[in-house]
Amino acid sequence: MSDMIGVRHREFLELLIKNKAGLTVDNFSKALGITRTAVRQHLATLEANTLVTKSITRPSGGRPEQLYVLTDKGNSSFPRQYSWFAQLLMGMLEQEAGEEGAGARLAAMGETVAKQLRVNGAAGESLSAKVQNLAVIMEELGYRVNPNAPANIKGIPVIEADNCVFHDLASKHPQVCRFDLALLSTFTDSKVVHEACMVKGAHVCRFRFDADASEPISASVAK
């Protein structure tokens, strides 16, 4: 998001993050040394991109002045340190529980999340239907799922993603994959075979589903 915002627009957002109560057109004009007309043009663009929105009006000597504030999207356009924080948490978890213990806790988390996601799911769904629904959820979570991935020999869909939302974290802490595997296995009530893993050098992450068992199997070689 930050790469898509021009320098001048970035200045508007930085002023607003320092002035949470909001700023008027005159405030922007004086702070940035540009005309009121130019300010309105920039604000119109920022509003169209839902980075800024109108707030309350402020009384003045004449007409009330409109205040502009950051939206949640505008606040999120500034750099965040989620990856660093996740690395910190994983390091502390491993220190406390060891690598195997950390992996077990991540697997338990994956099972819990899967059950929450399946609250409104149909109890009688076929495995193919569950996998298809899971692919939609993975897209919503940020995975780029290949809709043309061939089904397995039993005709059950295979999930293949060309990105990993946990790649940086999993490359340093491979047990993070146990969260995904447990989530996929619990959601589909099946064994998940992790046929290919980007962390292990593959170009994609590929998951095959088998109704005959329920224990996930991790990828051992890159494909």
C-alpha atoms as a PDB file:
ATOM      1  CA  MET A   1       0.000   0.000   0.000  1.00  0.00           C
ATOM      2  CA  SER A   2       2.708   2.525   0.963  1.00  0.00           C
ATOM      3  CA  ASP A   3       4.435   2.098  -2.433  1.00  0.00           C
ATOM      4  CA  MET A   4       1.222   3.135  -4.186  1.00  0.00           C
ATOM      5  CA  ILE A   5       0.888   6.443  -2.320  1.00  0.00           C
ATOM      6  CA  GLY A   6       2.547   9.511  -3.828  1.00  0.00           C
ATOM      7  CA  VAL A   7       4.935  11.706  -1.867  1.00  0.00           C
ATOM      8  CA  ARG A   8       2.430  14.549  -1.514  1.00  0.00           C
ATOM      9  CA  HIS A   9      -0.365  12.218  -0.437  1.00  0.00           C
ATOM     10  CA  ARG A  10       2.016  10.658   2.068  1.00  0.00           C
ATOM     11  CA  GLU A  11       2.517  14.146   3.563  1.00  0.00           C
ATOM     12  CA  PHE A  12      -1.251  14.474   4.036  1.00  0.00           C
ATOM     13  CA  LEU A  13      -1.423  11.125   5.808  1.00  0.00           C
ATOM     14  CA  GLU A  14       1.561  11.924   8.023  1.00  0.00           C
ATOM     15  CA  LEU A  15      -0.068  15.177   9.110  1.00  0.00           C
ATOM     16  CA  LEU A  16      -3.266  13.331   9.982  1.00  0.00           C
ATOM     17  CA  ILE A  17      -1.516  10.618  11.961  1.00  0.00           C
ATOM     18  CA  LYS A  18       0.029  13.393  14.080  1.00  0.00           C
ATOM     19  CA  ASN A  19      -3.326  15.141  14.429  1.00  0.00           C
ATOM     20  CA  LYS A  20      -5.828  12.427  15.325  1.00  0.00           C
ATOM     21  CA  ALA A  21      -8.671  14.898  15.906  1.00  0.00           C
ATOM     22  CA  GLY A  22      -8.507  15.893  12.249  1.00  0.00           C
ATOM     23  CA  LEU A  23      -7.409  18.821  10.103  1.00  0.00           C
ATOM     24  CA  THR A  24      -9.214  21.366   7.950  1.00  0.00           C
ATOM     25  CA  VAL A  25      -8.446  22.478   4.397  1.00  0.00           C
ATOM     26  CA  ASP A  26      -6.827  25.620   5.833  1.00  0.00           C
ATOM     27  CA  ASN A  27      -4.681  23.527   8.186  1.00  0.00           C
ATOM     28  CA  PHE A  28      -3.367  21.483   5.258  1.00  0.00           C
ATOM     29  CA  SER A  29      -2.840  24.561   3.117  1.00  0.00           C
ATOM     30  CA  LYS A  30      -0.712  26.308   5.758  1.00  0.00           C
ATOM     31  CA  ALA A  31       1.238  23.182   6.779  1.00  0.00           C
ATOM     32  CA  LEU A  32       2.115  22.175   3.219  1.00  0.00           C
ATOM     33  CA  GLY A  33       2.349  25.586   1.601  1.00  0.00           C
ATOM     34  CA  ILE A  34      -0.155  24.832  -1.168  1.00  0.00           C
ATOM     35  CA  THR A  35      -3.452  26.421  -2.211  1.00  0.00           C
ATOM     36  CA  ARG A  36      -6.819  25.449  -0.801  1.00  0.00           C
ATOM     37  CA  THR A  37      -7.861  24.256  -4.253  1.00  0.00           C
ATOM     38  CA  ALA A  38      -4.848  21.921  -4.417  1.00  0.00           C
ATOM     39  CA  VAL A  39      -5.648  20.633  -0.922  1.00  0.00           C
ATOM     40  CA  ARG A  40      -9.213  19.784  -1.954  1.00  0.00           C
ATOM     41  CA  GLN A  41      -7.960  17.931  -5.025  1.00  0.00           C
ATOM     42  CA  HIS A  42      -5.593  15.813  -2.933  1.00  0.00           C
ATOM     43  CA  LEU A  43      -8.265  15.142  -0.319  1.00  0.00           C
ATOM     44  CA  ALA A  44     -10.716  14.060  -3.025  1.00  0.00           C
ATOM     45  CA  THR A  45      -8.179  11.493  -4.254  1.00  0.00           C
ATOM     46  CA  LEU A  46      -7.467  10.252  -0.742  1.00  0.00           C
ATOM     47  CA  GLU A  47     -11.201   9.972  -0.020  1.00  0.00           C
ATOM     48  CA  ALA A  48     -11.740   8.046  -3.257  1.00  0.00           C
ATOM     49  CA  ASN A  49      -9.073   5.577  -2.101  1.00  0.00           C
ATOM     50  CA  THR A  50     -10.783   5.385   1.335  1.00  0.00           C
ATOM     51  CA  LEU A  51      -7.621   6.550   3.106  1.00  0.00           C
ATOM     52  CA  VAL A  52      -9.223   9.732   4.455  1.00  0.00           C
ATOM     53  CA  THR A  53     -12.799  10.577   5.385  1.00  0.00           C
ATOM     54  CA  LYS A  54     -14.800  13.579   6.551  1.00  0.00           C
ATOM     55  CA  SER A  55     -15.325  13.878  10.289  1.00  0.00           C
ATOM     56  CA  ILE A  56     -17.208  16.518  12.256  1.00  0.00           C
ATOM     57  CA  THR A  57     -17.312  20.208  11.431  1.00  0.00           C
ATOM     58  CA  ARG A  58     -15.553  22.723  13.659  1.00  0.00           C
ATOM     59  CA  PRO A  59     -17.094  26.110  14.490  1.00  0.00           C
ATOM     60  CA  SER A  60     -15.205  29.134  13.184  1.00  0.00           C
ATOM     61  CA  GLY A  61     -15.808  32.847  12.831  1.00  0.00           C
ATOM     62  CA  GLY A  62     -17.776  32.213   9.636  1.00  0.00           C
ATOM     63  CA  ARG A  63     -18.871  28.936   8.104  1.00  0.00           C
ATOM     64  CA  PRO A  64     -18.123  25.760  10.099  1.00  0.00           C
ATOM     65  CA  GLU A  65     -14.892  24.101   8.955  1.00  0.00           C
ATOM     66  CA  GLN A  66     -14.864  20.489   7.836  1.00  0.00           C
ATOM     67  CA  LEU A  67     -12.381  18.204   9.582  1.00  0.00           C
ATOM     68  CA  TYR A  68     -10.712  15.302   7.768  1.00  0.00           C
ATOM     69  CA  VAL A  69      -9.376  12.218   9.562  1.00  0.00           C
ATOM     70  CA  LEU A  70      -7.602   8.980   8.691  1.00  0.00           C
ATOM     71  CA  THR A  71      -9.640   5.847   8.043  1.00  0.00           C
ATOM     72  CA  ASP A  72      -8.541   2.431   9.331  1.00  0.00           C
ATOM     73  CA  LYS A  73      -7.151   1.782   5.855  1.00  0.00           C
ATOM     74  CA  GLY A  74      -5.198   5.050   6.052  1.00  0.00           C
ATOM     75  CA  ASN A  75      -3.731   4.035   9.394  1.00  0.00           C
ATOM     76  CA  SER A  76      -2.795   0.632   7.974  1.00  0.00           C
ATOM     77  CA  SER A  77      -0.912   2.241   5.078  1.00  0.00           C
ATOM     78  CA  PHE A  78       1.990   2.977   7.419  1.00  0.00           C
ATOM     79  CA  PRO A  79       4.687   0.303   7.867  1.00  0.00           C
ATOM     80  CA  ARG A  80       3.940  -2.347  10.499  1.00  0.00           C
ATOM     81  CA  GLN A  81       6.196  -4.920  12.141  1.00  0.00           C
ATOM     82  CA  TYR A  82       3.932  -7.974  12.165  1.00  0.00           C
ATOM     83  CA  SER A  83       6.682 -10.257  10.834  1.00  0.00           C
ATOM     84  CA  TRP A  84       9.144  -9.140  13.497  1.00  0.00           C
ATOM     85  CA  PHE A  85       6.531  -9.597  16.218  1.00  0.00           C
ATOM     86  CA  ALA A  86       5.607 -13.073  14.954  1.00  0.00           C
ATOM     87  CA  GLN A  87       9.298 -14.046  14.975  1.00  0.00           C
ATOM     88  CA  LEU A  88       9.573 -12.802  18.558  1.00  0.00           C
ATOM     89  CA  LEU A  89       6.533 -14.802  19.675  1.00  0.00           C
ATOM     90  CA  MET A  90       7.763 -17.970  17.975  1.00  0.00           C
ATOM     91  CA  GLY A  91      11.184 -17.611  19.584  1.00  0.00           C
ATOM     92  CA  MET A  92       9.619 -17.262  23.025  1.00  0.00           C
ATOM     93  CA  LEU A  93       7.273 -20.211  22.407  1.00  0.00           C
ATOM     94  CA  GLU A  94      10.199 -22.443  21.414  1.00  0.00           C
ATOM     95  CA  GLN A  95      12.179 -21.387  24.474  1.00  0.00           C
ATOM     96  CA  GLU A  96       9.223 -22.247  26.701  1.00  0.00           C
ATOM     97  CA  ALA A  97       7.979 -25.459  25.064  1.00  0.00           C
ATOM     98  CA  GLY A  98      10.829 -26.624  22.810  1.00  0.00           C
ATOM     99  CA  GLU A  99      10.481 -27.120  19.067  1.00  0.00           C
ATOM    100  CA  GLU A 100       8.246 -30.184  19.359  1.00  0.00           C
ATOM    101  CA  GLY A 101       6.085 -28.570  22.021  1.00  0.00           C
ATOM    102  CA  ALA A 102       5.757 -25.398  19.937  1.00  0.00           C
ATOM    103  CA  GLY A 103       4.718 -27.477  16.938  1.00  0.00           C
ATOM    104  CA  ALA A 104       2.094 -29.290  19.014  1.00  0.00           C
ATOM    105  CA  ARG A 105       0.635 -26.010  20.218  1.00  0.00           C
ATOM    106  CA  LEU A 106       0.511 -24.663  16.670  1.00  0.00           C
ATOM    107  CA  ALA A 107      -1.267 -27.826  15.536  1.00  0.00           C
ATOM    108  CA  ALA A 108      -3.797 -27.405  18.342  1.00  0.00           C
ATOM    109  CA  MET A 109      -4.363 -23.805  17.233  1.00  0.00           C
ATOM    110  CA  GLY A 110      -4.927 -24.974  13.668  1.00  0.00           C
ATOM    111  CA  GLU A 111      -7.532 -27.498  14.824  1.00  0.00           C
ATOM    112  CA  THR A 112      -9.333 -24.820  16.845  1.00  0.00           C
ATOM    113  CA  VAL A 113      -9.405 -22.364  13.947  1.00  0.00           C
ATOM    114  CA  ALA A 114     -10.689 -25.065  11.582  1.00  0.00           C
ATOM    115  CA  LYS A 115     -13.571 -25.896  13.946  1.00  0.00           C
ATOM    116  CA  GLN A 116     -14.462 -22.207  14.179  1.00  0.00           C
ATOM    117  CA  LEU A 117     -14.441 -21.892  10.400  1.00  0.00           C
ATOM    118  CA  ARG A 118     -16.682 -24.946  10.070  1.00  0.00           C
ATOM    119  CA  VAL A 119     -19.350 -23.757  12.514  1.00  0.00           C
ATOM    120  CA  ASN A 120     -21.742 -22.965   9.678  1.00  0.00           C
ATOM    121  CA  GLY A 121     -20.625 -25.818   7.412  1.00  0.00           C
ATOM    122  CA  ALA A 122     -22.909 -28.631   6.316  1.00  0.00           C
ATOM    123  CA  ALA A 123     -22.311 -31.805   8.313  1.00  0.00           C
ATOM    124  CA  GLY A 124     -22.980 -34.089   5.346  1.00  0.00           C
ATOM    125  CA  GLU A 125     -20.610 -32.468   2.857  1.00  0.00           C
ATOM    126  CA  SER A 126     -18.470 -34.716   0.699  1.00  0.00           C
ATOM    127  CA  LEU A 127     -14.691 -34.477   0.966  1.00  0.00           C
ATOM    128  CA  SER A 128     -14.557 -32.786  -2.441  1.00  0.00           C
ATOM    129  CA  ALA A 129     -17.031 -30.127  -1.278  1.00  0.00           C
ATOM    130  CA  LYS A 130     -15.037 -29.537   1.911  1.00  0.00           C
ATOM    131  CA  VAL A 131     -11.819 -29.100  -0.064  1.00  0.00           C
ATOM    132  CA  GLN A 132     -13.499 -26.675  -2.451  1.00  0.00           C
ATOM    133  CA  ASN A 133     -14.861 -24.630   0.466  1.00  0.00           C
ATOM    134  CA  LEU A 134     -11.439 -24.691   2.090  1.00  0.00           C
ATOM    135  CA  ALA A 135      -9.839 -23.335  -1.098  1.00  0.00           C
ATOM    136  CA  VAL A 136     -12.207 -20.348  -0.960  1.00  0.00           C
ATOM    137  CA  ILE A 137     -11.275 -19.678   2.669  1.00  0.00           C
ATOM    138  CA  MET A 138      -7.563 -19.915   1.853  1.00  0.00           C
ATOM    139  CA  GLU A 139      -8.038 -17.302  -0.880  1.00  0.00           C
ATOM    140  CA  GLU A 140      -9.667 -15.035   1.703  1.00  0.00           C
ATOM    141  CA  LEU A 141      -6.685 -15.582   4.014  1.00  0.00           C
ATOM    142  CA  GLY A 142      -4.271 -14.384   1.335  1.00  0.00           C
ATOM    143  CA  TYR A 143      -3.233 -17.565  -0.477  1.00  0.00           C
ATOM    144  CA  ARG A 144      -3.179 -17.508  -4.284  1.00  0.00           C
ATOM    145  CA  VAL A 145      -4.823 -20.841  -5.002  1.00  0.00           C
ATOM    146  CA  ASN A 146      -4.469 -22.391  -8.462  1.00  0.00           C
ATOM    147  CA  PRO A 147      -8.026 -23.178  -9.648  1.00  0.00           C
ATOM    148  CA  ASN A 148      -6.659 -25.465 -12.368  1.00  0.00           C
ATOM    149  CA  ALA A 149      -4.656 -27.807 -10.134  1.00  0.00           C
ATOM    150  CA  PRO A 150      -5.459 -31.403 -11.214  1.00  0.00           C
ATOM    151  CA  ALA A 151      -7.478 -33.569  -8.838  1.00  0.00           C
ATOM    152  CA  ASN A 152      -5.894 -36.659  -7.311  1.00  0.00           C
ATOM    153  CA  ILE A 153      -6.401 -40.179  -8.615  1.00  0.00           C
ATOM    154  CA  LYS A 154      -9.665 -40.478  -6.652  1.00  0.00           C
ATOM    155  CA  GLY A 155     -11.064 -37.301  -8.192  1.00  0.00           C
ATOM    156  CA  ILE A 156     -10.694 -35.289  -4.988  1.00  0.00           C
ATOM    157  CA  PRO A 157      -9.518 -31.695  -5.594  1.00  0.00           C
ATOM    158  CA  VAL A 158      -5.930 -30.806  -4.754  1.00  0.00           C
ATOM    159  CA  ILE A 159      -5.113 -27.406  -3.248  1.00  0.00           C
ATOM    160  CA  GLU A 160      -2.071 -25.780  -4.798  1.00  0.00           C
ATOM    161  CA  ALA A 161      -0.937 -22.288  -3.770  1.00  0.00           C
ATOM    162  CA  ASP A 162       1.872 -20.313  -5.389  1.00  0.00           C
ATOM    163  CA  ASN A 163       2.501 -18.302  -2.232  1.00  0.00           C
ATOM    164  CA  CYS A 164       2.777 -18.962   1.498  1.00  0.00           C
ATOM    165  CA  VAL A 165       1.362 -16.360   3.865  1.00  0.00           C
ATOM    166  CA  PHE A 166       3.765 -17.561   6.577  1.00  0.00           C
ATOM    167  CA  HIS A 167       6.815 -18.000   4.332  1.00  0.00           C
ATOM    168  CA  ASP A 168       9.279 -15.761   6.203  1.00  0.00           C
ATOM    169  CA  LEU A 169       8.215 -17.174   9.560  1.00  0.00           C
ATOM    170  CA  ALA A 170       8.100 -20.802   8.395  1.00  0.00           C
ATOM    171  CA  SER A 171      11.534 -20.564   6.762  1.00  0.00           C
ATOM    172  CA  LYS A 172      12.996 -19.916  10.219  1.00  0.00           C
ATOM    173  CA  HIS A 173      10.505 -22.037  12.174  1.00  0.00           C
ATOM    174  CA  PRO A 174       9.350 -24.964   9.974  1.00  0.00           C
ATOM    175  CA  GLN A 175       6.965 -26.212  12.658  1.00  0.00           C
ATOM    176  CA  VAL A 176       4.686 -23.297  11.669  1.00  0.00           C
ATOM    177  CA  CYS A 177       3.536 -25.545   8.808  1.00  0.00           C
ATOM    178  CA  ARG A 178       1.873 -27.754  11.432  1.00  0.00           C
ATOM    179  CA  PHE A 179      -0.704 -25.002  11.953  1.00  0.00           C
ATOM    180  CA  ASP A 180      -1.684 -25.135   8.278  1.00  0.00           C
ATOM    181  CA  LEU A 181      -1.679 -28.934   8.128  1.00  0.00           C
ATOM    182  CA  ALA A 182      -3.840 -29.284  11.238  1.00  0.00           C
ATOM    183  CA  LEU A 183      -6.261 -26.641   9.980  1.00  0.00           C
ATOM    184  CA  LEU A 184      -6.593 -28.330   6.585  1.00  0.00           C
ATOM    185  CA  SER A 185      -6.926 -31.809   8.082  1.00  0.00           C
ATOM    186  CA  THR A 186      -9.515 -30.828  10.690  1.00  0.00           C
ATOM    187  CA  PHE A 187     -11.560 -28.706   8.289  1.00  0.00           C
ATOM    188  CA  THR A 188     -11.819 -31.553   5.762  1.00  0.00           C
ATOM    189  CA  ASP A 189     -11.882 -34.513   8.209  1.00  0.00           C
ATOM    190  CA  SER A 190      -9.119 -36.123   6.193  1.00  0.00           C
ATOM    191  CA  LYS A 191      -5.441 -36.922   6.043  1.00  0.00           C
ATOM    192  CA  VAL A 192      -3.518 -34.127   4.351  1.00  0.00           C
ATOM    193  CA  VAL A 193      -0.421 -35.011   2.375  1.00  0.00           C
ATOM    194  CA  HIS A 194       1.866 -32.004   1.991  1.00  0.00           C
ATOM    195  CA  GLU A 195       3.210 -32.983  -1.414  1.00  0.00           C
ATOM    196  CA  ALA A 196       5.221 -29.816  -2.069  1.00  0.00           C
ATOM    197  CA  CYS A 197       6.434 -27.063   0.245  1.00  0.00           C
ATOM    198  CA  MET A 198       7.891 -23.679  -0.737  1.00  0.00           C
ATOM    199  CA  VAL A 199       9.907 -23.510   2.475  1.00  0.00           C
ATOM    200  CA  LYS A 200      11.636 -26.720   1.387  1.00  0.00           C
ATOM    201  CA  GLY A 201      12.426 -25.369  -2.075  1.00  0.00           C
ATOM    202  CA  ALA A 202       9.317 -26.130  -4.134  1.00  0.00           C
ATOM    203  CA  HIS A 203       7.735 -23.539  -6.391  1.00  0.00           C
ATOM    204  CA  VAL A 204       4.308 -24.090  -4.821  1.00  0.00           C
ATOM    205  CA  CYS A 205       2.670 -25.509  -1.718  1.00  0.00           C
ATOM    206  CA  ARG A 206       0.525 -28.495  -2.717  1.00  0.00           C
ATOM    207  CA  PHE A 207      -1.885 -30.368  -0.468  1.00  0.00           C
ATOM    208  CA  ARG A 208      -3.552 -33.696  -1.301  1.00  0.00           C
ATOM    209  CA  PHE A 209      -6.501 -34.965   0.727  1.00  0.00           C
ATOM    210  CA  ASP A 210      -7.217 -38.598   1.613  1.00  0.00           C
ATOM    211  CA  ALA A 211     -10.434 -39.633   3.360  1.00  0.00           C
ATOM    212  CA  ASP A 212      -8.908 -42.891   4.614  1.00  0.00           C
ATOM    213  CA  ALA A 213      -7.022 -41.300   7.535  1.00  0.00           C
ATOM    214  CA  SER A 214      -6.771 -38.089   9.532  1.00  0.00           C
ATOM    215  CA  GLU A 215      -3.095 -37.586  10.336  1.00  0.00           C
ATOM    216  CA  PRO A 216      -1.370 -34.947   8.148  1.00  0.00           C
ATOM    217  CA  ILE A 217       1.876 -35.880   6.406  1.00  0.00           C
ATOM    218  CA  SER A 218       4.525 -33.207   5.778  1.00  0.00           C
ATOM    219  CA  ALA A 219       6.423 -32.774   2.531  1.00  0.00           C
ATOM    220  CA  SER A 220       9.810 -34.455   2.507  1.00  0.00           C
ATOM    221  CA  VAL A 221      11.064 -33.315  -0.884  1.00  0.00           C
ATOM    222  CA  ALA A 222      10.611 -30.240  -3.027  1.00  0.00           C
ATOM    223  CA  LYS A 223       8.604 -30.583  -6.245  1.00  0.00           C
END
